[in-house]
Amino acid sequence: MQAIKTSVRQYIQDNFLMGSAETYADDASFMDAQLLDSTGFLELVHFLEDSYGIKVEDEEMMPENLDSLDAVARFVMRKQAA
């Protein structure tokens, strides 16, 4: 689970924070912290699908699955186990 968080954190840092050393907690909302907008979430979904060999269905694109590092890691682990 930590490896997923590290990978996603690095992806966000490289692609949305332009390498900034800005820090945020694993449970911090990407929306509340204004780290990702709607386009950013779509890009994150593509990254997850490519990186982890999963398919994110339209009905799965909700904050409970994608709005924090913790949520993303739990979601990816569930999808990989299915």
N, C-alpha and C. Protein backbone atom coordinates (compact mmCIF):
# COMPACT_ATOMS: atom_id res chain seq x y z
N MET A 1 0.83 -1.20 0.00
CA MET A 1 0.00 0.00 0.00
C MET A 1 0.87 1.26 0.00
N GLN A 2 1.96 1.23 0.76
CA GLN A 2 2.84 2.39 0.81
C GLN A 2 3.47 2.66 -0.55
N ALA A 3 3.80 1.60 -1.29
CA ALA A 3 4.40 1.78 -2.62
C ALA A 3 3.45 2.50 -3.56
N ILE A 4 2.16 2.20 -3.47
CA ILE A 4 1.17 2.88 -4.30
C ILE A 4 1.12 4.36 -3.93
N LYS A 5 1.07 4.64 -2.64
CA LYS A 5 1.03 6.04 -2.19
C LYS A 5 2.26 6.80 -2.66
N THR A 6 3.42 6.18 -2.56
CA THR A 6 4.67 6.84 -2.97
C THR A 6 4.64 7.13 -4.46
N SER A 7 4.20 6.17 -5.25
CA SER A 7 4.13 6.34 -6.70
C SER A 7 3.15 7.44 -7.09
N VAL A 8 1.97 7.43 -6.49
CA VAL A 8 0.95 8.44 -6.81
C VAL A 8 1.41 9.81 -6.34
N ARG A 9 2.01 9.89 -5.17
CA ARG A 9 2.53 11.17 -4.67
C ARG A 9 3.56 11.74 -5.65
N GLN A 10 4.45 10.88 -6.14
CA GLN A 10 5.48 11.32 -7.09
C GLN A 10 4.84 11.78 -8.40
N TYR A 11 3.84 11.05 -8.86
CA TYR A 11 3.13 11.43 -10.08
C TYR A 11 2.49 12.81 -9.92
N ILE A 12 1.80 13.04 -8.81
CA ILE A 12 1.17 14.34 -8.57
C ILE A 12 2.22 15.43 -8.47
N GLN A 13 3.29 15.15 -7.76
CA GLN A 13 4.35 16.14 -7.60
C GLN A 13 4.96 16.51 -8.95
N ASP A 14 5.23 15.52 -9.78
CA ASP A 14 5.87 15.76 -11.08
C ASP A 14 4.94 16.43 -12.08
N ASN A 15 3.66 16.07 -12.05
CA ASN A 15 2.74 16.51 -13.09
C ASN A 15 1.84 17.68 -12.73
N PHE A 16 1.60 17.88 -11.44
CA PHE A 16 0.68 18.94 -11.05
C PHE A 16 1.33 20.01 -10.16
N LEU A 17 2.35 19.62 -9.45
CA LEU A 17 3.04 20.58 -8.58
C LEU A 17 4.37 21.01 -9.17
N MET A 18 4.66 20.53 -10.36
CA MET A 18 5.88 20.86 -11.10
C MET A 18 7.13 20.66 -10.26
N GLY A 19 7.16 19.54 -9.55
CA GLY A 19 8.34 19.19 -8.78
C GLY A 19 8.47 19.92 -7.45
N SER A 20 7.49 20.73 -7.10
CA SER A 20 7.51 21.45 -5.84
C SER A 20 7.61 20.47 -4.67
N ALA A 21 8.24 20.88 -3.61
CA ALA A 21 8.38 20.04 -2.43
C ALA A 21 7.19 20.18 -1.48
N GLU A 22 6.08 20.71 -1.99
CA GLU A 22 4.87 20.87 -1.17
C GLU A 22 4.47 19.52 -0.57
N THR A 23 4.13 19.55 0.69
CA THR A 23 3.75 18.31 1.36
C THR A 23 2.27 18.33 1.73
N TYR A 24 1.71 17.15 1.83
CA TYR A 24 0.32 17.00 2.23
C TYR A 24 0.17 15.61 2.82
N ALA A 25 -0.76 15.48 3.72
CA ALA A 25 -0.98 14.20 4.42
C ALA A 25 -1.59 13.17 3.48
N ASP A 26 -1.38 11.91 3.81
CA ASP A 26 -1.93 10.82 2.99
C ASP A 26 -3.45 10.86 2.93
N ASP A 27 -4.09 11.42 3.95
CA ASP A 27 -5.55 11.47 3.96
C ASP A 27 -6.10 12.83 3.52
N ALA A 28 -5.23 13.73 3.06
CA ALA A 28 -5.66 15.06 2.61
C ALA A 28 -6.43 14.95 1.30
N SER A 29 -7.55 15.65 1.22
CA SER A 29 -8.36 15.68 0.01
C SER A 29 -7.64 16.44 -1.10
N PHE A 30 -7.52 15.79 -2.27
CA PHE A 30 -6.90 16.46 -3.42
C PHE A 30 -7.73 17.68 -3.83
N MET A 31 -9.06 17.57 -3.72
CA MET A 31 -9.93 18.68 -4.10
C MET A 31 -9.81 19.83 -3.11
N ASP A 32 -9.89 19.51 -1.81
CA ASP A 32 -9.81 20.57 -0.80
C ASP A 32 -8.47 21.30 -0.84
N ALA A 33 -7.40 20.55 -1.11
CA ALA A 33 -6.06 21.16 -1.18
C ALA A 33 -5.79 21.78 -2.56
N GLN A 34 -6.76 21.67 -3.46
CA GLN A 34 -6.66 22.19 -4.81
C GLN A 34 -5.43 21.65 -5.55
N LEU A 35 -5.16 20.37 -5.32
CA LEU A 35 -4.06 19.70 -6.02
C LEU A 35 -4.49 19.23 -7.40
N LEU A 36 -5.75 18.79 -7.51
CA LEU A 36 -6.27 18.28 -8.78
C LEU A 36 -7.60 18.93 -9.11
N ASP A 37 -7.80 19.20 -10.39
CA ASP A 37 -9.12 19.64 -10.86
C ASP A 37 -9.73 18.47 -11.64
N SER A 38 -10.84 18.70 -12.32
CA SER A 38 -11.51 17.59 -13.01
C SER A 38 -10.62 16.94 -14.06
N THR A 39 -9.88 17.73 -14.79
CA THR A 39 -8.95 17.18 -15.78
C THR A 39 -7.84 16.42 -15.09
N GLY A 40 -7.37 16.92 -13.98
CA GLY A 40 -6.32 16.24 -13.22
C GLY A 40 -6.77 14.87 -12.74
N PHE A 41 -8.04 14.75 -12.34
CA PHE A 41 -8.54 13.45 -11.91
C PHE A 41 -8.57 12.47 -13.07
N LEU A 42 -8.93 12.94 -14.26
CA LEU A 42 -8.92 12.06 -15.43
C LEU A 42 -7.50 11.60 -15.75
N GLU A 43 -6.55 12.51 -15.64
CA GLU A 43 -5.15 12.15 -15.86
C GLU A 43 -4.68 11.15 -14.80
N LEU A 44 -5.10 11.33 -13.55
CA LEU A 44 -4.75 10.39 -12.49
C LEU A 44 -5.33 9.01 -12.79
N VAL A 45 -6.56 8.96 -13.25
CA VAL A 45 -7.19 7.68 -13.61
C VAL A 45 -6.38 6.97 -14.69
N HIS A 46 -5.96 7.70 -15.71
CA HIS A 46 -5.14 7.09 -16.77
C HIS A 46 -3.82 6.58 -16.22
N PHE A 47 -3.22 7.33 -15.33
CA PHE A 47 -1.98 6.90 -14.69
C PHE A 47 -2.19 5.60 -13.92
N LEU A 48 -3.27 5.54 -13.14
CA LEU A 48 -3.55 4.33 -12.35
C LEU A 48 -3.80 3.13 -13.26
N GLU A 49 -4.56 3.34 -14.31
CA GLU A 49 -4.84 2.24 -15.23
C GLU A 49 -3.56 1.73 -15.89
N ASP A 50 -2.73 2.64 -16.35
CA ASP A 50 -1.47 2.26 -17.01
C ASP A 50 -0.48 1.64 -16.03
N SER A 51 -0.38 2.20 -14.85
CA SER A 51 0.63 1.77 -13.89
C SER A 51 0.27 0.47 -13.18
N TYR A 52 -1.01 0.26 -12.94
CA TYR A 52 -1.42 -0.87 -12.10
C TYR A 52 -2.27 -1.91 -12.83
N GLY A 53 -2.45 -1.73 -14.14
CA GLY A 53 -3.18 -2.72 -14.91
C GLY A 53 -4.62 -2.90 -14.49
N ILE A 54 -5.24 -1.81 -14.08
CA ILE A 54 -6.65 -1.86 -13.66
C ILE A 54 -7.49 -1.06 -14.63
N LYS A 55 -8.79 -1.26 -14.58
CA LYS A 55 -9.75 -0.48 -15.35
C LYS A 55 -10.64 0.25 -14.35
N VAL A 56 -10.65 1.57 -14.43
CA VAL A 56 -11.50 2.38 -13.55
C VAL A 56 -12.79 2.67 -14.31
N GLU A 57 -13.87 2.12 -13.82
CA GLU A 57 -15.18 2.32 -14.45
C GLU A 57 -15.72 3.71 -14.10
N ASP A 58 -16.60 4.23 -14.95
CA ASP A 58 -17.16 5.56 -14.73
C ASP A 58 -17.78 5.69 -13.35
N GLU A 59 -18.52 4.67 -12.92
CA GLU A 59 -19.20 4.75 -11.63
C GLU A 59 -18.23 4.66 -10.45
N GLU A 60 -16.97 4.31 -10.71
CA GLU A 60 -15.96 4.26 -9.65
C GLU A 60 -15.22 5.58 -9.48
N MET A 61 -15.45 6.52 -10.39
CA MET A 61 -14.78 7.82 -10.32
C MET A 61 -15.52 8.71 -9.34
N MET A 62 -15.24 8.48 -8.05
CA MET A 62 -15.89 9.23 -6.99
C MET A 62 -14.85 9.54 -5.91
N PRO A 63 -15.09 10.55 -5.12
CA PRO A 63 -14.11 10.94 -4.09
C PRO A 63 -13.72 9.80 -3.15
N GLU A 64 -14.65 8.92 -2.84
CA GLU A 64 -14.33 7.82 -1.93
C GLU A 64 -13.19 6.95 -2.46
N ASN A 65 -12.99 6.94 -3.78
CA ASN A 65 -11.95 6.12 -4.39
C ASN A 65 -10.71 6.90 -4.81
N LEU A 66 -10.85 8.20 -5.07
CA LEU A 66 -9.77 8.92 -5.75
C LEU A 66 -9.36 10.25 -5.14
N ASP A 67 -9.88 10.62 -3.98
CA ASP A 67 -9.64 11.98 -3.49
C ASP A 67 -8.54 12.12 -2.43
N SER A 68 -7.75 11.09 -2.23
CA SER A 68 -6.59 11.21 -1.33
C SER A 68 -5.65 10.05 -1.63
N LEU A 69 -4.44 10.14 -1.14
CA LEU A 69 -3.51 9.04 -1.33
C LEU A 69 -4.02 7.77 -0.67
N ASP A 70 -4.57 7.90 0.53
CA ASP A 70 -5.13 6.73 1.22
C ASP A 70 -6.24 6.09 0.39
N ALA A 71 -7.16 6.90 -0.10
CA ALA A 71 -8.29 6.39 -0.88
C ALA A 71 -7.81 5.71 -2.16
N VAL A 72 -6.87 6.32 -2.85
CA VAL A 72 -6.35 5.75 -4.10
C VAL A 72 -5.67 4.41 -3.82
N ALA A 73 -4.86 4.34 -2.79
CA ALA A 73 -4.15 3.10 -2.47
C ALA A 73 -5.14 1.98 -2.14
N ARG A 74 -6.15 2.27 -1.34
CA ARG A 74 -7.17 1.26 -1.01
C ARG A 74 -7.91 0.81 -2.27
N PHE A 75 -8.26 1.78 -3.12
CA PHE A 75 -8.99 1.48 -4.35
C PHE A 75 -8.15 0.59 -5.28
N VAL A 76 -6.91 0.95 -5.50
CA VAL A 76 -6.04 0.16 -6.38
C VAL A 76 -5.89 -1.25 -5.83
N MET A 77 -5.70 -1.38 -4.54
CA MET A 77 -5.54 -2.72 -3.95
C MET A 77 -6.81 -3.56 -4.12
N ARG A 78 -7.98 -2.94 -3.96
CA ARG A 78 -9.24 -3.66 -4.18
C ARG A 78 -9.38 -4.11 -5.62
N LYS A 79 -9.04 -3.22 -6.54
CA LYS A 79 -9.17 -3.54 -7.96
C LYS A 79 -8.20 -4.65 -8.36
N GLN A 80 -7.00 -4.62 -7.83
CA GLN A 80 -6.03 -5.65 -8.17
C GLN A 80 -6.41 -7.01 -7.58
N ALA A 81 -7.07 -7.00 -6.44
CA ALA A 81 -7.47 -8.24 -5.79
C ALA A 81 -8.68 -8.89 -6.48
N ALA A 82 -9.45 -8.07 -7.19
CA ALA A 82 -10.68 -8.58 -7.84
C ALA A 82 -10.37 -9.46 -9.04
